[in-house]
Amino acid sequence: MRLNLISVAYKNVIGSLRAAWRIVSSIEQKEEGRKNDDHVVLVKDYRSKVESELSNVCASILELLDSNLIPSGSSSESKVFYYKMKGDYHRYLAEFKIGDERKSAAEDTMLSYKAAQDIAAADLPFTHPIRLGLALNFSVFYYEILNQSDKACAMAKQAFEEAIAELDTLGEESYKDSTLIMQLLRDNLTLWTSDVQDQLDES
């Protein structure tokens, strides 16, 4: 329960900030396209404020994870959860940082997700919702941040197929969570595969 309470509290804050950043960035591109310089200055200023807030929230949760949550994680489940969470917040930084800061955030994301993946592979079943959630977010990282669509698709496909093969072992309490994440994995696979095909068609 504690795992989810902390995660949800931060996710609500970060979710609205990430949404605001995407909207502002989209407006900025449109205004730049219209050569509307006065508006561009205002929008850029607002975007930098949103980015500052995003940086602060991410720094806050990452500090909490490193100083308290990860060291106190007693079970494999909690360790995977917290390392995945650490990867998520570094990934959120990589979404808007540029240059060396983006590179550093991406490297930290990779290290955190890999740490979670190693523990999950050893100790959690294929159908475990936290293991599936890790595969979902790790594959999104490959697709959106590293632009490695083949690796993203392979990771999502493997996680989905491994879970499908063991679906009958799922307990009632995690069935809903696991099947929901499996659906998201499949949705991403469908979307990414069609994107890759579109790129091939264009070339």
N, C-alpha and C. Protein backbone atom coordinates (compact mmCIF):
# COMPACT_ATOMS: atom_id res chain seq x y z
N MET A 1 0.84 -1.21 0.00
CA MET A 1 0.00 0.00 0.00
C MET A 1 0.87 1.26 0.00
N ARG A 2 1.92 1.24 0.83
CA ARG A 2 2.82 2.39 0.92
C ARG A 2 3.45 2.69 -0.44
N LEU A 3 3.78 1.61 -1.18
CA LEU A 3 4.37 1.78 -2.51
C LEU A 3 3.48 2.66 -3.36
N ASN A 4 2.20 2.30 -3.42
CA ASN A 4 1.28 3.01 -4.30
C ASN A 4 0.95 4.42 -3.83
N LEU A 5 0.85 4.62 -2.53
CA LEU A 5 0.51 5.96 -2.01
C LEU A 5 1.55 6.99 -2.40
N ILE A 6 2.82 6.65 -2.22
CA ILE A 6 3.90 7.59 -2.57
C ILE A 6 3.92 7.81 -4.07
N SER A 7 3.80 6.72 -4.82
CA SER A 7 3.83 6.80 -6.28
C SER A 7 2.70 7.67 -6.82
N VAL A 8 1.49 7.44 -6.33
CA VAL A 8 0.32 8.18 -6.81
C VAL A 8 0.43 9.66 -6.46
N ALA A 9 0.91 9.96 -5.26
CA ALA A 9 1.04 11.36 -4.84
C ALA A 9 1.93 12.14 -5.80
N TYR A 10 3.06 11.57 -6.14
CA TYR A 10 3.98 12.25 -7.07
C TYR A 10 3.49 12.19 -8.51
N LYS A 11 2.84 11.08 -8.86
CA LYS A 11 2.38 10.92 -10.24
C LYS A 11 1.33 11.97 -10.60
N ASN A 12 0.47 12.30 -9.66
CA ASN A 12 -0.55 13.32 -9.92
C ASN A 12 0.08 14.68 -10.21
N VAL A 13 1.11 15.03 -9.44
CA VAL A 13 1.79 16.31 -9.64
C VAL A 13 2.55 16.31 -10.96
N ILE A 14 3.35 15.27 -11.17
CA ILE A 14 4.19 15.22 -12.37
C ILE A 14 3.35 15.08 -13.63
N GLY A 15 2.21 14.37 -13.51
CA GLY A 15 1.35 14.16 -14.68
C GLY A 15 0.81 15.46 -15.23
N SER A 16 0.35 16.34 -14.34
CA SER A 16 -0.20 17.62 -14.81
C SER A 16 0.89 18.52 -15.36
N LEU A 17 2.09 18.46 -14.78
CA LEU A 17 3.21 19.27 -15.27
C LEU A 17 3.68 18.79 -16.65
N ARG A 18 3.75 17.47 -16.82
CA ARG A 18 4.17 16.93 -18.13
C ARG A 18 3.15 17.28 -19.21
N ALA A 19 1.87 17.21 -18.84
CA ALA A 19 0.81 17.58 -19.80
C ALA A 19 0.93 19.06 -20.16
N ALA A 20 1.16 19.90 -19.16
CA ALA A 20 1.31 21.35 -19.40
C ALA A 20 2.50 21.61 -20.32
N TRP A 21 3.61 20.89 -20.07
CA TRP A 21 4.81 21.09 -20.89
C TRP A 21 4.55 20.73 -22.35
N ARG A 22 3.84 19.62 -22.57
CA ARG A 22 3.54 19.20 -23.95
C ARG A 22 2.67 20.23 -24.67
N ILE A 23 1.67 20.74 -23.95
CA ILE A 23 0.76 21.74 -24.55
C ILE A 23 1.53 23.02 -24.88
N VAL A 24 2.34 23.49 -23.93
CA VAL A 24 3.10 24.73 -24.13
C VAL A 24 4.10 24.57 -25.27
N SER A 25 4.76 23.42 -25.34
CA SER A 25 5.73 23.17 -26.42
C SER A 25 5.05 23.17 -27.77
N SER A 26 3.85 22.61 -27.82
CA SER A 26 3.08 22.58 -29.06
C SER A 26 2.69 24.00 -29.49
N ILE A 27 2.24 24.80 -28.53
CA ILE A 27 1.87 26.20 -28.82
C ILE A 27 3.11 26.97 -29.31
N GLU A 28 4.23 26.73 -28.65
CA GLU A 28 5.48 27.41 -29.02
C GLU A 28 5.86 27.12 -30.48
N GLN A 29 5.74 25.86 -30.87
CA GLN A 29 6.06 25.49 -32.26
C GLN A 29 5.14 26.19 -33.25
N LYS A 30 3.86 26.24 -32.90
CA LYS A 30 2.88 26.90 -33.79
C LYS A 30 3.19 28.39 -33.93
N GLU A 31 3.49 29.03 -32.79
CA GLU A 31 3.77 30.47 -32.82
C GLU A 31 5.07 30.76 -33.58
N GLU A 32 6.04 29.87 -33.44
CA GLU A 32 7.29 30.04 -34.20
C GLU A 32 7.03 29.90 -35.69
N GLY A 33 6.14 28.96 -36.03
CA GLY A 33 5.77 28.76 -37.44
C GLY A 33 5.07 29.98 -38.02
N ARG A 34 4.34 30.68 -37.16
CA ARG A 34 3.63 31.89 -37.61
C ARG A 34 4.52 33.13 -37.53
N LYS A 35 5.76 32.95 -37.08
CA LYS A 35 6.71 34.07 -36.90
C LYS A 35 6.16 35.13 -35.94
N ASN A 36 5.42 34.65 -34.94
CA ASN A 36 4.77 35.55 -33.98
C ASN A 36 5.71 35.75 -32.78
N ASP A 37 6.73 36.60 -32.97
CA ASP A 37 7.84 36.69 -32.03
C ASP A 37 7.43 37.08 -30.60
N ASP A 38 6.50 38.02 -30.47
CA ASP A 38 6.07 38.44 -29.13
C ASP A 38 5.47 37.28 -28.35
N HIS A 39 4.63 36.51 -29.03
CA HIS A 39 4.00 35.36 -28.39
C HIS A 39 5.03 34.29 -28.05
N VAL A 40 5.99 34.10 -28.96
CA VAL A 40 7.03 33.09 -28.74
C VAL A 40 7.81 33.38 -27.46
N VAL A 41 8.14 34.65 -27.24
CA VAL A 41 8.89 35.04 -26.03
C VAL A 41 8.09 34.70 -24.77
N LEU A 42 6.80 35.02 -24.78
CA LEU A 42 5.93 34.73 -23.63
C LEU A 42 5.82 33.23 -23.38
N VAL A 43 5.62 32.48 -24.46
CA VAL A 43 5.45 31.03 -24.33
C VAL A 43 6.75 30.37 -23.86
N LYS A 44 7.87 30.83 -24.39
CA LYS A 44 9.17 30.28 -23.97
C LYS A 44 9.39 30.53 -22.48
N ASP A 45 9.02 31.71 -22.02
CA ASP A 45 9.17 32.05 -20.61
C ASP A 45 8.32 31.12 -19.74
N TYR A 46 7.09 30.88 -20.19
CA TYR A 46 6.21 29.99 -19.42
C TYR A 46 6.74 28.55 -19.45
N ARG A 47 7.24 28.13 -20.62
CA ARG A 47 7.79 26.76 -20.73
C ARG A 47 8.97 26.58 -19.77
N SER A 48 9.81 27.60 -19.66
CA SER A 48 10.98 27.48 -18.77
C SER A 48 10.54 27.37 -17.31
N LYS A 49 9.42 28.03 -16.96
CA LYS A 49 8.88 27.92 -15.59
C LYS A 49 8.36 26.51 -15.33
N VAL A 50 7.66 25.95 -16.31
CA VAL A 50 7.15 24.57 -16.17
C VAL A 50 8.32 23.60 -16.04
N GLU A 51 9.36 23.82 -16.85
CA GLU A 51 10.54 22.95 -16.81
C GLU A 51 11.25 23.04 -15.45
N SER A 52 11.28 24.23 -14.89
CA SER A 52 11.88 24.41 -13.57
C SER A 52 11.11 23.63 -12.51
N GLU A 53 9.78 23.70 -12.59
CA GLU A 53 8.93 22.94 -11.66
C GLU A 53 9.12 21.44 -11.85
N LEU A 54 9.16 21.00 -13.10
CA LEU A 54 9.39 19.58 -13.40
C LEU A 54 10.71 19.12 -12.80
N SER A 55 11.75 19.91 -13.00
CA SER A 55 13.08 19.57 -12.47
C SER A 55 13.04 19.44 -10.95
N ASN A 56 12.34 20.36 -10.29
CA ASN A 56 12.27 20.35 -8.83
C ASN A 56 11.52 19.13 -8.30
N VAL A 57 10.40 18.80 -8.94
CA VAL A 57 9.61 17.64 -8.50
C VAL A 57 10.42 16.36 -8.71
N CYS A 58 11.06 16.24 -9.87
CA CYS A 58 11.87 15.05 -10.15
C CYS A 58 13.04 14.94 -9.16
N ALA A 59 13.71 16.06 -8.89
CA ALA A 59 14.83 16.05 -7.94
C ALA A 59 14.36 15.62 -6.55
N SER A 60 13.17 16.08 -6.17
CA SER A 60 12.61 15.76 -4.85
C SER A 60 12.35 14.26 -4.70
N ILE A 61 11.68 13.66 -5.67
CA ILE A 61 11.37 12.23 -5.57
C ILE A 61 12.62 11.37 -5.73
N LEU A 62 13.55 11.81 -6.58
CA LEU A 62 14.79 11.05 -6.77
C LEU A 62 15.64 11.05 -5.50
N GLU A 63 15.63 12.18 -4.81
CA GLU A 63 16.34 12.27 -3.52
C GLU A 63 15.70 11.33 -2.49
N LEU A 64 14.37 11.32 -2.45
CA LEU A 64 13.64 10.44 -1.53
C LEU A 64 13.91 8.96 -1.84
N LEU A 65 13.95 8.63 -3.13
CA LEU A 65 14.22 7.25 -3.55
C LEU A 65 15.62 6.82 -3.14
N ASP A 66 16.61 7.67 -3.41
CA ASP A 66 18.00 7.31 -3.13
C ASP A 66 18.32 7.28 -1.64
N SER A 67 17.76 8.22 -0.89
CA SER A 67 18.13 8.34 0.52
C SER A 67 17.30 7.43 1.43
N ASN A 68 16.09 7.10 1.00
CA ASN A 68 15.18 6.40 1.91
C ASN A 68 14.54 5.15 1.31
N LEU A 69 13.81 5.33 0.22
CA LEU A 69 12.95 4.25 -0.28
C LEU A 69 13.73 3.04 -0.80
N ILE A 70 14.72 3.28 -1.67
CA ILE A 70 15.47 2.14 -2.22
C ILE A 70 16.26 1.41 -1.13
N PRO A 71 17.00 2.12 -0.25
CA PRO A 71 17.72 1.40 0.81
C PRO A 71 16.81 0.61 1.75
N SER A 72 15.58 1.09 1.94
CA SER A 72 14.67 0.41 2.88
C SER A 72 13.80 -0.64 2.20
N GLY A 73 13.92 -0.78 0.88
CA GLY A 73 13.13 -1.78 0.17
C GLY A 73 13.53 -3.18 0.60
N SER A 74 12.62 -3.88 1.28
CA SER A 74 12.98 -5.17 1.87
C SER A 74 12.67 -6.36 0.96
N SER A 75 11.67 -6.23 0.11
CA SER A 75 11.30 -7.33 -0.77
C SER A 75 11.74 -7.05 -2.20
N SER A 76 11.83 -8.10 -3.01
CA SER A 76 12.17 -7.93 -4.43
C SER A 76 11.13 -7.05 -5.11
N GLU A 77 9.87 -7.24 -4.72
CA GLU A 77 8.78 -6.46 -5.30
C GLU A 77 8.99 -4.96 -5.07
N SER A 78 9.32 -4.59 -3.82
CA SER A 78 9.50 -3.16 -3.52
C SER A 78 10.75 -2.61 -4.19
N LYS A 79 11.81 -3.43 -4.28
CA LYS A 79 13.04 -2.96 -4.95
C LYS A 79 12.79 -2.70 -6.42
N VAL A 80 12.09 -3.62 -7.09
CA VAL A 80 11.77 -3.42 -8.52
C VAL A 80 10.91 -2.17 -8.67
N PHE A 81 9.93 -2.03 -7.80
CA PHE A 81 9.01 -0.88 -7.85
C PHE A 81 9.78 0.44 -7.74
N TYR A 82 10.70 0.51 -6.76
CA TYR A 82 11.42 1.76 -6.52
C TYR A 82 12.46 2.05 -7.61
N TYR A 83 13.15 1.02 -8.08
CA TYR A 83 14.12 1.25 -9.18
C TYR A 83 13.39 1.65 -10.46
N LYS A 84 12.23 1.05 -10.69
CA LYS A 84 11.41 1.43 -11.85
C LYS A 84 10.98 2.90 -11.71
N MET A 85 10.56 3.26 -10.51
CA MET A 85 10.14 4.63 -10.25
C MET A 85 11.31 5.61 -10.47
N LYS A 86 12.49 5.21 -10.04
CA LYS A 86 13.68 6.04 -10.24
C LYS A 86 13.92 6.22 -11.75
N GLY A 87 13.80 5.13 -12.49
CA GLY A 87 13.94 5.22 -13.95
C GLY A 87 12.91 6.13 -14.57
N ASP A 88 11.67 6.03 -14.08
CA ASP A 88 10.58 6.86 -14.62
C ASP A 88 10.90 8.35 -14.48
N TYR A 89 11.37 8.75 -13.29
CA TYR A 89 11.60 10.18 -13.05
C TYR A 89 12.84 10.71 -13.77
N HIS A 90 13.83 9.86 -13.97
CA HIS A 90 14.95 10.26 -14.84
C HIS A 90 14.47 10.39 -16.29
N ARG A 91 13.54 9.50 -16.69
CA ARG A 91 12.99 9.56 -18.05
C ARG A 91 12.19 10.85 -18.25
N TYR A 92 11.44 11.25 -17.23
CA TYR A 92 10.68 12.51 -17.34
C TYR A 92 11.63 13.70 -17.54
N LEU A 93 12.79 13.65 -16.89
CA LEU A 93 13.79 14.70 -17.10
C LEU A 93 14.33 14.66 -18.53
N ALA A 94 14.57 13.45 -19.02
CA ALA A 94 15.11 13.29 -20.38
C ALA A 94 14.13 13.78 -21.45
N GLU A 95 12.83 13.84 -21.10
CA GLU A 95 11.82 14.29 -22.07
C GLU A 95 12.01 15.76 -22.46
N PHE A 96 12.54 16.57 -21.54
CA PHE A 96 12.62 18.00 -21.87
C PHE A 96 14.02 18.60 -21.76
N LYS A 97 14.94 17.88 -21.13
CA LYS A 97 16.32 18.39 -21.05
C LYS A 97 16.98 18.31 -22.43
N ILE A 98 18.05 19.08 -22.60
CA ILE A 98 18.76 19.05 -23.88
C ILE A 98 20.27 18.89 -23.62
N GLY A 99 21.00 18.50 -24.65
CA GLY A 99 22.45 18.40 -24.56
C GLY A 99 22.92 17.39 -23.54
N ASP A 100 23.96 17.78 -22.76
CA ASP A 100 24.56 16.87 -21.79
C ASP A 100 23.59 16.47 -20.68
N GLU A 101 22.68 17.39 -20.33
CA GLU A 101 21.70 17.07 -19.27
C GLU A 101 20.75 15.96 -19.73
N ARG A 102 20.37 16.01 -20.99
CA ARG A 102 19.50 14.96 -21.54
C ARG A 102 20.25 13.63 -21.58
N LYS A 103 21.49 13.68 -22.03
CA LYS A 103 22.32 12.47 -22.11
C LYS A 103 22.47 11.83 -20.73
N SER A 104 22.74 12.67 -19.74
CA SER A 104 22.91 12.19 -18.36
C SER A 104 21.61 11.59 -17.82
N ALA A 105 20.49 12.26 -18.08
CA ALA A 105 19.18 11.75 -17.62
C ALA A 105 18.86 10.42 -18.28
N ALA A 106 19.19 10.29 -19.57
CA ALA A 106 18.93 9.04 -20.29
C ALA A 106 19.80 7.91 -19.74
N GLU A 107 21.06 8.22 -19.43
CA GLU A 107 21.96 7.20 -18.86
C GLU A 107 21.47 6.73 -17.49
N ASP A 108 21.01 7.68 -16.68
CA ASP A 108 20.48 7.34 -15.35
C ASP A 108 19.19 6.52 -15.46
N THR A 109 18.38 6.84 -16.47
CA THR A 109 17.16 6.07 -16.71
C THR A 109 17.52 4.62 -17.02
N MET A 110 18.47 4.45 -17.93
CA MET A 110 18.89 3.11 -18.34
C MET A 110 19.42 2.30 -17.15
N LEU A 111 20.27 2.91 -16.33
CA LEU A 111 20.83 2.22 -15.17
C LEU A 111 19.74 1.79 -14.19
N SER A 112 18.77 2.67 -13.96
CA SER A 112 17.70 2.38 -13.00
C SER A 112 16.78 1.27 -13.51
N TYR A 113 16.37 1.38 -14.78
CA TYR A 113 15.51 0.34 -15.35
C TYR A 113 16.23 -1.01 -15.40
N LYS A 114 17.54 -0.99 -15.71
CA LYS A 114 18.29 -2.25 -15.77
C LYS A 114 18.40 -2.89 -14.39
N ALA A 115 18.60 -2.06 -13.37
CA ALA A 115 18.66 -2.57 -11.99
C ALA A 115 17.33 -3.24 -11.62
N ALA A 116 16.23 -2.58 -11.99
CA ALA A 116 14.89 -3.14 -11.74
C ALA A 116 14.69 -4.42 -12.54
N GLN A 117 15.13 -4.40 -13.80
CA GLN A 117 14.95 -5.56 -14.69
C GLN A 117 15.69 -6.79 -14.17
N ASP A 118 16.91 -6.59 -13.66
CA ASP A 118 17.71 -7.72 -13.15
C ASP A 118 17.00 -8.40 -11.98
N ILE A 119 16.45 -7.60 -11.07
CA ILE A 119 15.76 -8.17 -9.90
C ILE A 119 14.45 -8.83 -10.35
N ALA A 120 13.72 -8.16 -11.24
CA ALA A 120 12.44 -8.70 -11.72
C ALA A 120 12.64 -10.03 -12.43
N ALA A 121 13.68 -10.12 -13.26
CA ALA A 121 13.95 -11.35 -14.02
C ALA A 121 14.27 -12.51 -13.09
N ALA A 122 14.91 -12.20 -11.97
CA ALA A 122 15.30 -13.25 -11.02
C ALA A 122 14.16 -13.66 -10.09
N ASP A 123 13.33 -12.70 -9.71
CA ASP A 123 12.40 -12.95 -8.59
C ASP A 123 10.90 -12.78 -8.85
N LEU A 124 10.52 -12.09 -9.91
CA LEU A 124 9.09 -11.85 -10.13
C LEU A 124 8.58 -12.64 -11.33
N PRO A 125 7.36 -13.20 -11.22
CA PRO A 125 6.81 -13.94 -12.37
C PRO A 125 6.52 -13.03 -13.56
N PHE A 126 6.47 -13.63 -14.75
CA PHE A 126 6.21 -12.86 -15.98
C PHE A 126 4.93 -12.04 -15.89
N THR A 127 3.96 -12.56 -15.15
CA THR A 127 2.64 -11.91 -15.08
C THR A 127 2.52 -10.87 -13.98
N HIS A 128 3.58 -10.68 -13.20
CA HIS A 128 3.50 -9.73 -12.08
C HIS A 128 3.29 -8.31 -12.63
N PRO A 129 2.29 -7.58 -12.10
CA PRO A 129 2.00 -6.25 -12.65
C PRO A 129 3.18 -5.28 -12.58
N ILE A 130 4.02 -5.39 -11.55
CA ILE A 130 5.18 -4.49 -11.47
C ILE A 130 6.21 -4.84 -12.54
N ARG A 131 6.41 -6.13 -12.78
CA ARG A 131 7.34 -6.55 -13.85
C ARG A 131 6.81 -6.11 -15.21
N LEU A 132 5.52 -6.27 -15.42
CA LEU A 132 4.91 -5.84 -16.69
C LEU A 132 4.98 -4.32 -16.85
N GLY A 133 4.73 -3.60 -15.76
CA GLY A 133 4.80 -2.13 -15.80
C GLY A 133 6.20 -1.65 -16.12
N LEU A 134 7.20 -2.37 -15.60
CA LEU A 134 8.59 -2.04 -15.91
C LEU A 134 8.87 -2.23 -17.40
N ALA A 135 8.42 -3.36 -17.95
CA ALA A 135 8.62 -3.62 -19.39
C ALA A 135 7.93 -2.55 -20.23
N LEU A 136 6.74 -2.15 -19.80
CA LEU A 136 5.99 -1.11 -20.52
C LEU A 136 6.79 0.20 -20.56
N ASN A 137 7.24 0.65 -19.40
CA ASN A 137 7.94 1.94 -19.32
C ASN A 137 9.34 1.89 -19.93
N PHE A 138 10.02 0.76 -19.76
CA PHE A 138 11.36 0.59 -20.33
C PHE A 138 11.27 0.62 -21.86
N SER A 139 10.25 -0.03 -22.41
CA SER A 139 10.08 -0.03 -23.88
C SER A 139 9.73 1.37 -24.40
N VAL A 140 8.93 2.11 -23.63
CA VAL A 140 8.60 3.50 -24.00
C VAL A 140 9.88 4.35 -24.02
N PHE A 141 10.76 4.10 -23.06
CA PHE A 141 12.05 4.81 -23.00
C PHE A 141 12.86 4.55 -24.28
N TYR A 142 12.93 3.28 -24.68
CA TYR A 142 13.65 2.95 -25.91
C TYR A 142 13.03 3.65 -27.12
N TYR A 143 11.71 3.69 -27.14
CA TYR A 143 11.02 4.26 -28.31
C TYR A 143 11.10 5.79 -28.35
N GLU A 144 10.75 6.42 -27.23
CA GLU A 144 10.60 7.88 -27.22
C GLU A 144 11.90 8.65 -26.96
N ILE A 145 12.75 8.11 -26.10
CA ILE A 145 13.96 8.85 -25.72
C ILE A 145 15.17 8.43 -26.56
N LEU A 146 15.33 7.12 -26.75
CA LEU A 146 16.50 6.63 -27.49
C LEU A 146 16.23 6.45 -28.98
N ASN A 147 14.95 6.57 -29.38
CA ASN A 147 14.55 6.38 -30.79
C ASN A 147 14.98 5.02 -31.35
N GLN A 148 14.93 4.00 -30.48
CA GLN A 148 15.27 2.64 -30.91
C GLN A 148 13.98 1.82 -31.00
N SER A 149 13.26 2.00 -32.09
CA SER A 149 11.94 1.39 -32.21
C SER A 149 12.00 -0.14 -32.26
N ASP A 150 13.04 -0.70 -32.89
CA ASP A 150 13.16 -2.16 -32.95
C ASP A 150 13.31 -2.76 -31.56
N LYS A 151 14.17 -2.14 -30.76
CA LYS A 151 14.40 -2.62 -29.39
C LYS A 151 13.13 -2.45 -28.55
N ALA A 152 12.44 -1.34 -28.72
CA ALA A 152 11.19 -1.08 -27.98
C ALA A 152 10.16 -2.15 -28.31
N CYS A 153 9.99 -2.43 -29.59
CA CYS A 153 9.01 -3.44 -30.03
C CYS A 153 9.38 -4.83 -29.51
N ALA A 154 10.67 -5.17 -29.59
CA ALA A 154 11.12 -6.49 -29.14
C ALA A 154 10.87 -6.67 -27.65
N MET A 155 11.14 -5.63 -26.87
CA MET A 155 10.95 -5.71 -25.42
C MET A 155 9.47 -5.83 -25.06
N ALA A 156 8.63 -5.02 -25.68
CA ALA A 156 7.18 -5.07 -25.41
C ALA A 156 6.60 -6.42 -25.84
N LYS A 157 7.03 -6.91 -26.99
CA LYS A 157 6.53 -8.19 -27.53
C LYS A 157 6.91 -9.35 -26.62
N GLN A 158 8.16 -9.35 -26.17
CA GLN A 158 8.63 -10.43 -25.30
C GLN A 158 7.85 -10.44 -23.98
N ALA A 159 7.69 -9.27 -23.38
CA ALA A 159 6.96 -9.19 -22.10
C ALA A 159 5.52 -9.66 -22.26
N PHE A 160 4.89 -9.24 -23.36
CA PHE A 160 3.50 -9.61 -23.62
C PHE A 160 3.37 -11.12 -23.81
N GLU A 161 4.24 -11.68 -24.63
CA GLU A 161 4.15 -13.12 -24.94
C GLU A 161 4.48 -13.99 -23.74
N GLU A 162 5.46 -13.57 -22.94
CA GLU A 162 5.80 -14.34 -21.73
C GLU A 162 4.64 -14.33 -20.74
N ALA A 163 3.96 -13.20 -20.63
CA ALA A 163 2.83 -13.10 -19.70
C ALA A 163 1.63 -13.90 -20.20
N ILE A 164 1.37 -13.83 -21.50
CA ILE A 164 0.25 -14.58 -22.10
C ILE A 164 0.39 -16.07 -21.81
N ALA A 165 1.63 -16.56 -21.93
CA ALA A 165 1.89 -18.00 -21.74
C ALA A 165 1.60 -18.45 -20.31
N GLU A 166 1.61 -17.51 -19.37
CA GLU A 166 1.39 -17.88 -17.96
C GLU A 166 0.14 -17.22 -17.37
N LEU A 167 -0.75 -16.81 -18.24
CA LEU A 167 -1.95 -16.09 -17.79
C LEU A 167 -2.80 -16.89 -16.82
N ASP A 168 -2.81 -18.21 -16.99
CA ASP A 168 -3.65 -19.05 -16.12
C ASP A 168 -3.11 -19.15 -14.69
N THR A 169 -1.89 -18.66 -14.47
CA THR A 169 -1.33 -18.71 -13.11
C THR A 169 -1.67 -17.45 -12.30
N LEU A 170 -2.32 -16.50 -12.95
CA LEU A 170 -2.61 -15.21 -12.30
C LEU A 170 -3.66 -15.34 -11.21
N GLY A 171 -3.36 -14.77 -10.05
CA GLY A 171 -4.34 -14.71 -8.97
C GLY A 171 -5.38 -13.64 -9.27
N GLU A 172 -6.50 -13.74 -8.60
CA GLU A 172 -7.62 -12.83 -8.87
C GLU A 172 -7.27 -11.36 -8.60
N GLU A 173 -6.48 -11.12 -7.54
CA GLU A 173 -6.22 -9.73 -7.14
C GLU A 173 -5.32 -8.98 -8.12
N SER A 174 -4.41 -9.69 -8.79
CA SER A 174 -3.52 -8.99 -9.73
C SER A 174 -3.95 -9.17 -11.19
N TYR A 175 -5.01 -9.96 -11.42
CA TYR A 175 -5.45 -10.24 -12.79
C TYR A 175 -5.80 -8.95 -13.54
N LYS A 176 -6.57 -8.10 -12.89
CA LYS A 176 -7.03 -6.86 -13.54
C LYS A 176 -5.84 -5.95 -13.89
N ASP A 177 -4.94 -5.75 -12.90
CA ASP A 177 -3.77 -4.89 -13.13
C ASP A 177 -2.89 -5.43 -14.25
N SER A 178 -2.62 -6.73 -14.19
CA SER A 178 -1.72 -7.34 -15.18
C SER A 178 -2.29 -7.30 -16.58
N THR A 179 -3.57 -7.63 -16.72
CA THR A 179 -4.17 -7.65 -18.06
C THR A 179 -4.30 -6.24 -18.63
N LEU A 180 -4.50 -5.26 -17.76
CA LEU A 180 -4.55 -3.86 -18.23
C LEU A 180 -3.19 -3.44 -18.82
N ILE A 181 -2.11 -3.78 -18.11
CA ILE A 181 -0.77 -3.42 -18.61
C ILE A 181 -0.44 -4.21 -19.88
N MET A 182 -0.89 -5.46 -19.94
CA MET A 182 -0.68 -6.26 -21.16
C MET A 182 -1.38 -5.61 -22.35
N GLN A 183 -2.56 -5.08 -22.11
CA GLN A 183 -3.30 -4.38 -23.17
C GLN A 183 -2.52 -3.14 -23.63
N LEU A 184 -1.94 -2.41 -22.69
CA LEU A 184 -1.13 -1.23 -23.03
C LEU A 184 0.11 -1.62 -23.84
N LEU A 185 0.73 -2.73 -23.45
CA LEU A 185 1.88 -3.24 -24.21
C LEU A 185 1.48 -3.55 -25.65
N ARG A 186 0.33 -4.20 -25.78
CA ARG A 186 -0.14 -4.58 -27.12
C ARG A 186 -0.53 -3.34 -27.93
N ASP A 187 -1.16 -2.37 -27.28
CA ASP A 187 -1.52 -1.11 -27.97
C ASP A 187 -0.27 -0.40 -28.50
N ASN A 188 0.76 -0.34 -27.64
CA ASN A 188 2.01 0.30 -28.07
C ASN A 188 2.65 -0.44 -29.23
N LEU A 189 2.64 -1.77 -29.14
CA LEU A 189 3.21 -2.59 -30.23
C LEU A 189 2.51 -2.30 -31.55
N THR A 190 1.20 -2.23 -31.50
CA THR A 190 0.41 -1.94 -32.72
C THR A 190 0.78 -0.57 -33.28
N LEU A 191 0.83 0.41 -32.40
CA LEU A 191 1.15 1.79 -32.81
C LEU A 191 2.57 1.88 -33.36
N TRP A 192 3.53 1.31 -32.63
CA TRP A 192 4.94 1.41 -33.03
C TRP A 192 5.21 0.66 -34.33
N THR A 193 4.58 -0.50 -34.48
CA THR A 193 4.78 -1.29 -35.70
C THR A 193 4.27 -0.53 -36.91
N SER A 194 3.12 0.14 -36.75
CA SER A 194 2.57 0.91 -37.88
C SER A 194 3.43 2.15 -38.16
N ASP A 195 4.00 2.76 -37.11
CA ASP A 195 4.91 3.90 -37.29
C ASP A 195 6.16 3.49 -38.08
N VAL A 196 6.72 2.33 -37.71
CA VAL A 196 7.92 1.82 -38.40
C VAL A 196 7.59 1.53 -39.85
N GLN A 197 6.40 0.95 -40.09
CA GLN A 197 5.98 0.64 -41.46
C GLN A 197 5.81 1.92 -42.28
N ASP A 198 5.22 2.94 -41.65
CA ASP A 198 5.04 4.24 -42.34
C ASP A 198 6.39 4.83 -42.74
N GLN A 199 7.37 4.73 -41.83
CA GLN A 199 8.71 5.25 -42.13
C GLN A 199 9.35 4.50 -43.29
N LEU A 200 9.15 3.18 -43.30
CA LEU A 200 9.69 2.36 -44.40
C LEU A 200 9.03 2.74 -45.72
N ASP A 201 7.71 2.96 -45.66
CA ASP A 201 6.97 3.34 -46.88
C ASP A 201 7.46 4.68 -47.42
N GLU A 202 7.74 5.62 -46.47
CA GLU A 202 8.20 6.95 -46.88
C GLU A 202 9.59 6.92 -47.50
N SER A 203 10.43 5.99 -47.00
CA SER A 203 11.80 5.92 -47.53
C SER A 203 11.83 5.10 -48.82
